Amino acid sequence: MCIKFSLVGSAVVFVSLLSVLTGVAQESHVGNLAGNATRGKALYQRYCIFCHGQYGDGNGESAPY
């Protein structure tokens, strides 16, 4: 199941993921929205990792489908 995000929602997830990958665990701001890297990582692992892969490179186990 693929969940569609708005452009702003995708940006928040991306910024959160980038913070996790770079080891920075701080609050991120995009416009009026704020995100937390720890929470973003949990959401990514639950909803996105299957298609997008562990590193966000599109090599998840469900990517071919």
PDB file of N, CA and C in Angstrom:
ATOM      1  N   MET A   1       0.847  -1.176   0.000  1.00  0.00           N
ATOM      2  CA  MET A   1       0.000   0.000   0.000  1.00  0.00           C
ATOM      3  C   MET A   1       0.888   1.233   0.000  1.00  0.00           C
ATOM      4  N   CYS A   2       0.649   2.135  -0.899  1.00  0.00           N
ATOM      5  CA  CYS A   2       1.451   3.348  -1.017  1.00  0.00           C
ATOM      6  C   CYS A   2       0.631   4.519  -0.498  1.00  0.00           C
ATOM      7  N   ILE A   3       1.207   5.286   0.397  1.00  0.00           N
ATOM      8  CA  ILE A   3       0.523   6.432   0.967  1.00  0.00           C
ATOM      9  C   ILE A   3       0.978   7.683   0.232  1.00  0.00           C
ATOM     10  N   LYS A   4       0.026   8.482  -0.213  1.00  0.00           N
ATOM     11  CA  LYS A   4       0.351   9.709  -0.929  1.00  0.00           C
ATOM     12  C   LYS A   4       0.480  10.860   0.058  1.00  0.00           C
ATOM     13  N   PHE A   5       1.538  11.618  -0.080  1.00  0.00           N
ATOM     14  CA  PHE A   5       1.777  12.783   0.753  1.00  0.00           C
ATOM     15  C   PHE A   5       1.691  14.030  -0.114  1.00  0.00           C
ATOM     16  N   SER A   6       1.341  15.136   0.494  1.00  0.00           N
ATOM     17  CA  SER A   6       1.415  16.404  -0.224  1.00  0.00           C
ATOM     18  C   SER A   6       2.880  16.780  -0.362  1.00  0.00           C
ATOM     19  N   LEU A   7       3.164  17.761  -1.174  1.00  0.00           N
ATOM     20  CA  LEU A   7       4.537  18.211  -1.374  1.00  0.00           C
ATOM     21  C   LEU A   7       5.160  18.643  -0.054  1.00  0.00           C
ATOM     22  N   VAL A   8       4.421  19.374   0.758  1.00  0.00           N
ATOM     23  CA  VAL A   8       4.938  19.824   2.054  1.00  0.00           C
ATOM     24  C   VAL A   8       5.156  18.634   2.979  1.00  0.00           C
ATOM     25  N   GLY A   9       4.212  17.698   2.999  1.00  0.00           N
ATOM     26  CA  GLY A   9       4.363  16.498   3.823  1.00  0.00           C
ATOM     27  C   GLY A   9       5.578  15.692   3.417  1.00  0.00           C
ATOM     28  N   SER A  10       5.799  15.575   2.120  1.00  0.00           N
ATOM     29  CA  SER A  10       6.972  14.861   1.618  1.00  0.00           C
ATOM     30  C   SER A  10       8.250  15.566   2.033  1.00  0.00           C
ATOM     31  N   ALA A  11       8.229  16.884   2.014  1.00  0.00           N
ATOM     32  CA  ALA A  11       9.411  17.652   2.416  1.00  0.00           C
ATOM     33  C   ALA A  11       9.724  17.427   3.889  1.00  0.00           C
ATOM     34  N   VAL A  12       8.700  17.369   4.729  1.00  0.00           N
ATOM     35  CA  VAL A  12       8.908  17.128   6.157  1.00  0.00           C
ATOM     36  C   VAL A  12       9.514  15.746   6.367  1.00  0.00           C
ATOM     37  N   VAL A  13       8.990  14.742   5.673  1.00  0.00           N
ATOM     38  CA  VAL A  13       9.532  13.389   5.786  1.00  0.00           C
ATOM     39  C   VAL A  13      10.968  13.365   5.292  1.00  0.00           C
ATOM     40  N   PHE A  14      11.253  14.021   4.174  1.00  0.00           N
ATOM     41  CA  PHE A  14      12.605  14.052   3.633  1.00  0.00           C
ATOM     42  C   PHE A  14      13.572  14.712   4.604  1.00  0.00           C
ATOM     43  N   VAL A  15      13.193  15.855   5.152  1.00  0.00           N
ATOM     44  CA  VAL A  15      14.058  16.558   6.104  1.00  0.00           C
ATOM     45  C   VAL A  15      14.283  15.700   7.340  1.00  0.00           C
ATOM     46  N   SER A  16      13.241  15.038   7.816  1.00  0.00           N
ATOM     47  CA  SER A  16      13.386  14.155   8.971  1.00  0.00           C
ATOM     48  C   SER A  16      14.311  13.001   8.648  1.00  0.00           C
ATOM     49  N   LEU A  17      14.143  12.403   7.480  1.00  0.00           N
ATOM     50  CA  LEU A  17      15.001  11.296   7.066  1.00  0.00           C
ATOM     51  C   LEU A  17      16.438  11.765   6.918  1.00  0.00           C
ATOM     52  N   LEU A  18      16.643  12.919   6.333  1.00  0.00           N
ATOM     53  CA  LEU A  18      17.987  13.458   6.171  1.00  0.00           C
ATOM     54  C   LEU A  18      18.649  13.681   7.527  1.00  0.00           C
ATOM     55  N   SER A  19      17.892  14.172   8.493  1.00  0.00           N
ATOM     56  CA  SER A  19      18.424  14.379   9.836  1.00  0.00           C
ATOM     57  C   SER A  19      18.839  13.061  10.469  1.00  0.00           C
ATOM     58  N   VAL A  20      18.035  12.025  10.268  1.00  0.00           N
ATOM     59  CA  VAL A  20      18.362  10.706  10.823  1.00  0.00           C
ATOM     60  C   VAL A  20      19.626  10.167  10.171  1.00  0.00           C
ATOM     61  N   LEU A  21      19.740  10.272   8.861  1.00  0.00           N
ATOM     62  CA  LEU A  21      20.895   9.734   8.153  1.00  0.00           C
ATOM     63  C   LEU A  21      22.180  10.479   8.476  1.00  0.00           C
ATOM     64  N   THR A  22      22.081  11.764   8.768  1.00  0.00           N
ATOM     65  CA  THR A  22      23.275  12.539   9.088  1.00  0.00           C
ATOM     66  C   THR A  22      23.575  12.534  10.577  1.00  0.00           C
ATOM     67  N   GLY A  23      22.731  11.895  11.371  1.00  0.00           N
ATOM     68  CA  GLY A  23      22.966  11.793  12.805  1.00  0.00           C
ATOM     69  C   GLY A  23      22.526  13.004  13.602  1.00  0.00           C
ATOM     70  N   VAL A  24      21.819  13.930  12.975  1.00  0.00           N
ATOM     71  CA  VAL A  24      21.354  15.113  13.674  1.00  0.00           C
ATOM     72  C   VAL A  24      19.928  14.846  14.139  1.00  0.00           C
ATOM     73  N   ALA A  25      19.727  14.843  15.431  1.00  0.00           N
ATOM     74  CA  ALA A  25      18.397  14.581  15.983  1.00  0.00           C
ATOM     75  C   ALA A  25      17.833  15.870  16.546  1.00  0.00           C
ATOM     76  N   GLN A  26      17.330  16.707  15.671  1.00  0.00           N
ATOM     77  CA  GLN A  26      16.762  17.967  16.100  1.00  0.00           C
ATOM     78  C   GLN A  26      15.446  18.207  15.383  1.00  0.00           C
ATOM     79  N   GLU A  27      14.726  19.177  15.835  1.00  0.00           N
ATOM     80  CA  GLU A  27      13.461  19.522  15.209  1.00  0.00           C
ATOM     81  C   GLU A  27      13.733  20.248  13.898  1.00  0.00           C
ATOM     82  N   SER A  28      12.973  19.891  12.874  1.00  0.00           N
ATOM     83  CA  SER A  28      13.108  20.512  11.561  1.00  0.00           C
ATOM     84  C   SER A  28      11.872  21.352  11.268  1.00  0.00           C
ATOM     85  N   HIS A  29      12.059  22.434  10.523  1.00  0.00           N
ATOM     86  CA  HIS A  29      10.947  23.314  10.177  1.00  0.00           C
ATOM     87  C   HIS A  29      10.864  23.488   8.664  1.00  0.00           C
ATOM     88  N   VAL A  30       9.653  23.300   8.124  1.00  0.00           N
ATOM     89  CA  VAL A  30       9.362  23.557   6.716  1.00  0.00           C
ATOM     90  C   VAL A  30       8.086  24.390   6.712  1.00  0.00           C
ATOM     91  N   GLY A  31       8.221  25.659   6.403  1.00  0.00           N
ATOM     92  CA  GLY A  31       7.055  26.548   6.466  1.00  0.00           C
ATOM     93  C   GLY A  31       6.539  26.609   7.893  1.00  0.00           C
ATOM     94  N   ASN A  32       5.260  26.368   8.073  1.00  0.00           N
ATOM     95  CA  ASN A  32       4.656  26.384   9.402  1.00  0.00           C
ATOM     96  C   ASN A  32       4.688  25.019  10.080  1.00  0.00           C
ATOM     97  N   LEU A  33       5.248  24.024   9.421  1.00  0.00           N
ATOM     98  CA  LEU A  33       5.276  22.674   9.966  1.00  0.00           C
ATOM     99  C   LEU A  33       6.597  22.393  10.656  1.00  0.00           C
ATOM    100  N   ALA A  34       6.540  21.608  11.714  1.00  0.00           N
ATOM    101  CA  ALA A  34       7.751  21.192  12.422  1.00  0.00           C
ATOM    102  C   ALA A  34       7.767  19.673  12.457  1.00  0.00           C
ATOM    103  N   GLY A  35       8.947  19.098  12.338  1.00  0.00           N
ATOM    104  CA  GLY A  35       9.070  17.646  12.366  1.00  0.00           C
ATOM    105  C   GLY A  35      10.159  17.221  13.314  1.00  0.00           C
ATOM    106  N   ASN A  36      10.078  15.993  13.754  1.00  0.00           N
ATOM    107  CA  ASN A  36      11.055  15.423  14.664  1.00  0.00           C
ATOM    108  C   ASN A  36      11.691  14.227  13.981  1.00  0.00           C
ATOM    109  N   ALA A  37      13.011  14.182  13.910  1.00  0.00           N
ATOM    110  CA  ALA A  37      13.712  13.131  13.189  1.00  0.00           C
ATOM    111  C   ALA A  37      13.396  11.745  13.743  1.00  0.00           C
ATOM    112  N   THR A  38      13.286  11.614  15.027  1.00  0.00           N
ATOM    113  CA  THR A  38      13.002  10.307  15.625  1.00  0.00           C
ATOM    114  C   THR A  38      11.618   9.820  15.208  1.00  0.00           C
ATOM    115  N   ARG A  39      10.647  10.694  15.260  1.00  0.00           N
ATOM    116  CA  ARG A  39       9.278  10.346  14.846  1.00  0.00           C
ATOM    117  C   ARG A  39       9.226  10.086  13.340  1.00  0.00           C
ATOM    118  N   GLY A  40       9.943  10.894  12.570  1.00  0.00           N
ATOM    119  CA  GLY A  40       9.985  10.701  11.121  1.00  0.00           C
ATOM    120  C   GLY A  40      10.578   9.349  10.753  1.00  0.00           C
ATOM    121  N   LYS A  41      11.604   8.925  11.470  1.00  0.00           N
ATOM    122  CA  LYS A  41      12.222   7.624  11.212  1.00  0.00           C
ATOM    123  C   LYS A  41      11.226   6.506  11.465  1.00  0.00           C
ATOM    124  N   ALA A  42      10.489   6.593  12.558  1.00  0.00           N
ATOM    125  CA  ALA A  42       9.492   5.563  12.879  1.00  0.00           C
ATOM    126  C   ALA A  42       8.412   5.493  11.796  1.00  0.00           C
ATOM    127  N   LEU A  43       7.957   6.658  11.329  1.00  0.00           N
ATOM    128  CA  LEU A  43       6.944   6.681  10.280  1.00  0.00           C
ATOM    129  C   LEU A  43       7.482   6.118   8.968  1.00  0.00           C
ATOM    130  N   TYR A  44       8.708   6.484   8.631  1.00  0.00           N
ATOM    131  CA  TYR A  44       9.333   5.976   7.406  1.00  0.00           C
ATOM    132  C   TYR A  44       9.460   4.457   7.464  1.00  0.00           C
ATOM    133  N   GLN A  45       9.902   3.945   8.595  1.00  0.00           N
ATOM    134  CA  GLN A  45      10.056   2.491   8.730  1.00  0.00           C
ATOM    135  C   GLN A  45       8.716   1.767   8.662  1.00  0.00           C
ATOM    136  N   ARG A  46       7.664   2.402   9.104  1.00  0.00           N
ATOM    137  CA  ARG A  46       6.353   1.751   9.091  1.00  0.00           C
ATOM    138  C   ARG A  46       5.669   1.815   7.723  1.00  0.00           C
ATOM    139  N   TYR A  47       5.755   2.967   7.046  1.00  0.00           N
ATOM    140  CA  TYR A  47       4.963   3.168   5.842  1.00  0.00           C
ATOM    141  C   TYR A  47       5.739   3.236   4.531  1.00  0.00           C
ATOM    142  N   CYS A  48       7.013   3.546   4.560  1.00  0.00           N
ATOM    143  CA  CYS A  48       7.736   3.881   3.332  1.00  0.00           C
ATOM    144  C   CYS A  48       8.846   2.913   2.947  1.00  0.00           C
ATOM    145  N   ILE A  49       9.457   2.286   3.933  1.00  0.00           N
ATOM    146  CA  ILE A  49      10.664   1.497   3.704  1.00  0.00           C
ATOM    147  C   ILE A  49      10.439   0.325   2.743  1.00  0.00           C
ATOM    148  N   PHE A  50       9.227  -0.192   2.684  1.00  0.00           N
ATOM    149  CA  PHE A  50       8.951  -1.360   1.850  1.00  0.00           C
ATOM    150  C   PHE A  50       9.175  -1.071   0.361  1.00  0.00           C
ATOM    151  N   CYS A  51       8.813   0.122  -0.078  1.00  0.00           N
ATOM    152  CA  CYS A  51       9.032   0.503  -1.476  1.00  0.00           C
ATOM    153  C   CYS A  51      10.321   1.300  -1.650  1.00  0.00           C
ATOM    154  N   HIS A  52      10.554   2.249  -0.765  1.00  0.00           N
ATOM    155  CA  HIS A  52      11.664   3.182  -0.937  1.00  0.00           C
ATOM    156  C   HIS A  52      12.997   2.650  -0.429  1.00  0.00           C
ATOM    157  N   GLY A  53      12.990   1.599   0.359  1.00  0.00           N
ATOM    158  CA  GLY A  53      14.226   0.998   0.842  1.00  0.00           C
ATOM    159  C   GLY A  53      14.782   1.674   2.079  1.00  0.00           C
ATOM    160  N   GLN A  54      15.733   1.010   2.700  1.00  0.00           N
ATOM    161  CA  GLN A  54      16.327   1.488   3.940  1.00  0.00           C
ATOM    162  C   GLN A  54      17.001   2.849   3.774  1.00  0.00           C
ATOM    163  N   TYR A  55      17.573   3.095   2.611  1.00  0.00           N
ATOM    164  CA  TYR A  55      18.308   4.332   2.386  1.00  0.00           C
ATOM    165  C   TYR A  55      17.549   5.326   1.499  1.00  0.00           C
ATOM    166  N   GLY A  56      16.271   5.043   1.186  1.00  0.00           N
ATOM    167  CA  GLY A  56      15.479   5.935   0.346  1.00  0.00           C
ATOM    168  C   GLY A  56      15.868   5.888  -1.115  1.00  0.00           C
ATOM    169  N   ASP A  57      16.536   4.808  -1.521  1.00  0.00           N
ATOM    170  CA  ASP A  57      17.038   4.695  -2.884  1.00  0.00           C
ATOM    171  C   ASP A  57      16.116   3.925  -3.830  1.00  0.00           C
ATOM    172  N   GLY A  58      14.919   3.576  -3.368  1.00  0.00           N
ATOM    173  CA  GLY A  58      13.966   2.881  -4.220  1.00  0.00           C
ATOM    174  C   GLY A  58      14.211   1.388  -4.363  1.00  0.00           C
ATOM    175  N   ASN A  59      15.042   0.825  -3.496  1.00  0.00           N
ATOM    176  CA  ASN A  59      15.362  -0.597  -3.569  1.00  0.00           C
ATOM    177  C   ASN A  59      14.713  -1.413  -2.459  1.00  0.00           C
ATOM    178  N   GLY A  60      13.510  -1.032  -2.061  1.00  0.00           N
ATOM    179  CA  GLY A  60      12.789  -1.793  -1.047  1.00  0.00           C
ATOM    180  C   GLY A  60      12.265  -3.099  -1.631  1.00  0.00           C
ATOM    181  N   GLU A  61      11.884  -4.019  -0.756  1.00  0.00           N
ATOM    182  CA  GLU A  61      11.440  -5.329  -1.223  1.00  0.00           C
ATOM    183  C   GLU A  61      10.157  -5.264  -2.052  1.00  0.00           C
ATOM    184  N   SER A  62       9.327  -4.257  -1.862  1.00  0.00           N
ATOM    185  CA  SER A  62       8.092  -4.120  -2.631  1.00  0.00           C
ATOM    186  C   SER A  62       8.226  -3.168  -3.817  1.00  0.00           C
ATOM    187  N   ALA A  63       9.384  -2.621  -4.040  1.00  0.00           N
ATOM    188  CA  ALA A  63       9.592  -1.643  -5.111  1.00  0.00           C
ATOM    189  C   ALA A  63       9.170  -2.152  -6.492  1.00  0.00           C
ATOM    190  N   PRO A  64       9.426  -3.420  -6.841  1.00  0.00           N
ATOM    191  CA  PRO A  64       9.025  -3.885  -8.168  1.00  0.00           C
ATOM    192  C   PRO A  64       7.518  -3.871  -8.414  1.00  0.00           C
ATOM    193  N   TYR A  65       6.745  -3.854  -7.353  1.00  0.00           N
ATOM    194  CA  TYR A  65       5.292  -3.903  -7.504  1.00  0.00           C
ATOM    195  C   TYR A  65       4.705  -2.523  -7.532  1.00  0.00           C
TER     196      TYR A  65
END
